[in-house]
C-alpha atoms as a PDB file:
ATOM      1  CA  MET A   1       0.000   0.000   0.000  1.00  0.00           C
ATOM      2  CA  TRP A   2       2.861   2.343   0.785  1.00  0.00           C
ATOM      3  CA  PHE A   3       4.278   1.873  -2.696  1.00  0.00           C
ATOM      4  CA  LEU A   4       0.918   2.467  -4.383  1.00  0.00           C
ATOM      5  CA  ARG A   5       0.393   5.654  -2.400  1.00  0.00           C
ATOM      6  CA  ARG A   6       3.815   6.881  -3.459  1.00  0.00           C
ATOM      7  CA  MET A   7       3.134   6.103  -7.117  1.00  0.00           C
ATOM      8  CA  LEU A   8      -0.235   7.865  -7.027  1.00  0.00           C
ATOM      9  CA  ARG A   9       1.263  10.808  -5.093  1.00  0.00           C
ATOM     10  CA  ILE A  10      -1.200  10.512  -2.249  1.00  0.00           C
ATOM     11  CA  PRO A  11       0.217  12.213   0.858  1.00  0.00           C
ATOM     12  CA  TRP A  12       0.320  10.215   4.059  1.00  0.00           C
ATOM     13  CA  THR A  13      -1.868  12.867   5.726  1.00  0.00           C
ATOM     14  CA  ALA A  14      -4.716  12.248   3.259  1.00  0.00           C
ATOM     15  CA  LYS A  15      -7.580  10.346   4.835  1.00  0.00           C
ATOM     16  CA  LYS A  16      -8.013   7.742   2.105  1.00  0.00           C
ATOM     17  CA  THR A  17      -8.839   4.134   2.787  1.00  0.00           C
ATOM     18  CA  ASN A  18      -6.752   1.323   1.401  1.00  0.00           C
ATOM     19  CA  GLU A  19      -9.724   0.180  -0.662  1.00  0.00           C
ATOM     20  CA  SER A  20     -10.037   3.572  -2.363  1.00  0.00           C
ATOM     21  CA  VAL A  21      -6.314   3.563  -3.141  1.00  0.00           C
ATOM     22  CA  LEU A  22      -6.611   0.080  -4.650  1.00  0.00           C
ATOM     23  CA  ASN A  23      -9.600   1.157  -6.742  1.00  0.00           C
ATOM     24  CA  GLU A  24      -7.727   4.218  -7.960  1.00  0.00           C
ATOM     25  CA  ALA A  25      -4.771   2.058  -9.006  1.00  0.00           C
ATOM     26  CA  ASN A  26      -7.036  -0.622 -10.556  1.00  0.00           C
ATOM     27  CA  LYS A  27      -5.448  -3.300  -8.346  1.00  0.00           C
ATOM     28  CA  ARG A  28      -6.813  -6.103  -6.167  1.00  0.00           C
ATOM     29  CA  ARG A  29      -5.483  -7.640  -3.008  1.00  0.00           C
ATOM     30  CA  SER A  30      -3.733 -10.845  -3.931  1.00  0.00           C
ATOM     31  CA  LEU A  31      -1.955 -12.127  -0.815  1.00  0.00           C
ATOM     32  CA  VAL A  32      -4.758 -14.455   0.295  1.00  0.00           C
ATOM     33  CA  ARG A  33      -5.259 -15.765  -3.242  1.00  0.00           C
ATOM     34  CA  THR A  34      -1.535 -16.434  -3.573  1.00  0.00           C
ATOM     35  CA  MET A  35      -1.464 -18.253  -0.228  1.00  0.00           C
ATOM     36  CA  ARG A  36      -4.424 -20.445  -1.180  1.00  0.00           C
ATOM     37  CA  LYS A  37      -2.859 -21.230  -4.560  1.00  0.00           C
ATOM     38  CA  ARG A  38       0.402 -22.316  -2.939  1.00  0.00           C
ATOM     39  CA  GLN A  39      -1.461 -24.381  -0.360  1.00  0.00           C
ATOM     40  CA  ALA A  40      -3.429 -26.111  -3.109  1.00  0.00           C
ATOM     41  CA  THR A  41      -0.366 -26.905  -5.220  1.00  0.00           C
ATOM     42  CA  PHE A  42       1.472 -28.260  -2.177  1.00  0.00           C
ATOM     43  CA  LEU A  43      -1.561 -30.319  -1.195  1.00  0.00           C
ATOM     44  CA  GLY A  44      -1.696 -31.830  -4.670  1.00  0.00           C
ATOM     45  CA  HIS A  45       1.983 -32.725  -4.447  1.00  0.00           C
ATOM     46  CA  VAL A  46       1.578 -34.334  -1.031  1.00  0.00           C
ATOM     47  CA  MET A  47      -1.586 -36.246  -1.915  1.00  0.00           C
ATOM     48  CA  ARG A  48      -0.173 -37.715  -5.115  1.00  0.00           C
ATOM     49  CA  ARG A  49       3.008 -38.744  -3.328  1.00  0.00           C
ATOM     50  CA  GLY A  50       1.109 -40.852  -0.774  1.00  0.00           C
ATOM     51  CA  LYS A  51       3.672 -40.916   2.022  1.00  0.00           C
ATOM     52  CA  LEU A  52       3.547 -39.867   5.672  1.00  0.00           C
ATOM     53  CA  GLU A  53       2.310 -36.370   4.866  1.00  0.00           C
ATOM     54  CA  HIS A  54      -0.723 -37.906   3.160  1.00  0.00           C
ATOM     55  CA  LEU A  55      -1.595 -39.822   6.318  1.00  0.00           C
ATOM     56  CA  VAL A  56      -1.160 -36.749   8.495  1.00  0.00           C
ATOM     57  CA  THR A  57      -3.343 -34.604   6.246  1.00  0.00           C
ATOM     58  CA  THR A  58      -6.196 -37.084   5.894  1.00  0.00           C
ATOM     59  CA  GLY A  59      -5.913 -39.002   9.171  1.00  0.00           C
ATOM     60  CA  LYS A  60      -7.782 -38.611  12.418  1.00  0.00           C
ATOM     61  CA  PHE A  61      -6.256 -38.201  15.827  1.00  0.00           C
ATOM     62  CA  GLU A  62      -7.027 -40.448  18.745  1.00  0.00           C
ATOM     63  CA  GLY A  63      -8.458 -39.063  21.951  1.00  0.00           C
ATOM     64  CA  LYS A  64     -10.897 -36.385  22.952  1.00  0.00           C
ATOM     65  CA  ARG A  65     -11.440 -33.209  21.032  1.00  0.00           C
ATOM     66  CA  SER A  66     -10.481 -29.957  22.666  1.00  0.00           C
ATOM     67  CA  ARG A  67     -13.081 -27.640  24.126  1.00  0.00           C
ATOM     68  CA  GLY A  68     -14.416 -24.608  22.348  1.00  0.00           C
ATOM     69  CA  ARG A  69     -14.877 -23.772  18.719  1.00  0.00           C
ATOM     70  CA  GLN A  70     -13.158 -26.180  16.395  1.00  0.00           C
ATOM     71  CA  ARG A  71     -10.330 -24.821  14.308  1.00  0.00           C
ATOM     72  CA  GLU A  72     -10.786 -24.555  10.587  1.00  0.00           C
ATOM     73  CA  LYS A  73      -8.788 -27.217   8.819  1.00  0.00           C
ATOM     74  CA  ILE A  74      -6.706 -26.440   5.756  1.00  0.00           C
ATOM     75  CA  MET A  75      -8.624 -29.045   3.787  1.00  0.00           C
ATOM     76  CA  ASP A  76     -11.980 -27.391   4.588  1.00  0.00           C
ATOM     77  CA  GLY A  77     -10.673 -23.975   3.547  1.00  0.00           C
ATOM     78  CA  LEU A  78      -9.280 -25.301   0.288  1.00  0.00           C
ATOM     79  CA  ALA A  79     -12.475 -27.198  -0.495  1.00  0.00           C
ATOM     80  CA  THR A  80     -14.552 -24.039  -0.195  1.00  0.00           C
ATOM     81  CA  TRP A  81     -11.975 -21.959  -2.101  1.00  0.00           C
ATOM     82  CA  LEU A  82     -11.835 -24.462  -4.955  1.00  0.00           C
ATOM     83  CA  GLY A  83     -15.619 -24.739  -5.048  1.00  0.00           C
ATOM     84  CA  THR A  84     -15.818 -28.480  -4.490  1.00  0.00           C
ATOM     85  CA  GLY A  85     -17.678 -28.067  -1.220  1.00  0.00           C
ATOM     86  CA  LYS A  86     -16.624 -31.406   0.249  1.00  0.00           C
ATOM     87  CA  VAL A  87     -13.197 -32.582   1.313  1.00  0.00           C
ATOM     88  CA  LEU A  88     -13.780 -35.997  -0.230  1.00  0.00           C
ATOM     89  CA  ASP A  89     -14.445 -34.455  -3.653  1.00  0.00           C
ATOM     90  CA  THR A  90     -11.260 -32.427  -3.298  1.00  0.00           C
ATOM     91  CA  LEU A  91      -9.220 -35.521  -2.457  1.00  0.00           C
ATOM     92  CA  THR A  92     -10.546 -37.393  -5.481  1.00  0.00           C
ATOM     93  CA  ALA A  93      -9.841 -34.422  -7.764  1.00  0.00           C
ATOM     94  CA  VAL A  94      -6.198 -34.377  -6.630  1.00  0.00           C
ATOM     95  CA  LYS A  95      -5.546 -37.709  -8.343  1.00  0.00           C
ATOM     96  CA  ASP A  96      -6.012 -36.185 -11.817  1.00  0.00           C
ATOM     97  CA  ARG A  97      -3.213 -33.642 -12.197  1.00  0.00           C
ATOM     98  CA  ASP A  98      -4.711 -31.781 -15.169  1.00  0.00           C
ATOM     99  CA  LEU A  99      -8.096 -31.426 -13.463  1.00  0.00           C
ATOM    100  CA  TRP A 100      -6.372 -30.228 -10.273  1.00  0.00           C
ATOM    101  CA  ARG A 101      -4.380 -27.576 -12.149  1.00  0.00           C
ATOM    102  CA  ASP A 102      -7.524 -26.347 -13.906  1.00  0.00           C
ATOM    103  CA  MET A 103      -9.381 -26.125 -10.607  1.00  0.00           C
ATOM    104  CA  ILE A 104      -6.586 -24.088  -9.037  1.00  0.00           C
ATOM    105  CA  ALA A 105      -6.344 -21.782 -12.048  1.00  0.00           C
ATOM    106  CA  ASN A 106     -10.111 -21.144 -12.081  1.00  0.00           C
ATOM    107  CA  ALA A 107     -10.226 -20.468  -8.345  1.00  0.00           C
ATOM    108  CA  TYR A 108      -7.235 -18.118  -8.611  1.00  0.00           C
ATOM    109  CA  LYS A 109      -8.878 -16.136 -11.423  1.00  0.00           C
ATOM    110  CA  GLU A 110     -12.110 -15.713  -9.484  1.00  0.00           C
ATOM    111  CA  GLY A 111     -10.295 -14.792  -6.290  1.00  0.00           C
ATOM    112  CA  THR A 112     -11.657 -14.301  -2.813  1.00  0.00           C
END
């Protein structure tokens, strides 16, 4: 944001929101989209490999669950971002590399 403000010659004393600066520069925030894309490509790599990381990602832990609100799992976040809705559908889509790449590319274009 600092760099965009410098390029647009907006003084630091101006009361402009970050959203208005982004609109003025015709830019979108891309950090979250980039993080999700990297998570999805790494997940595809791990799932196709089928080693210990695969078991950790898809396995269940023994014992009681902790109290309070359950944490959001990476798999649930990626399933909603990719538009599959269910984790099982996401795991089956990982097997086909071309389909997986297309899903990631489409989700990255749409953005969140």
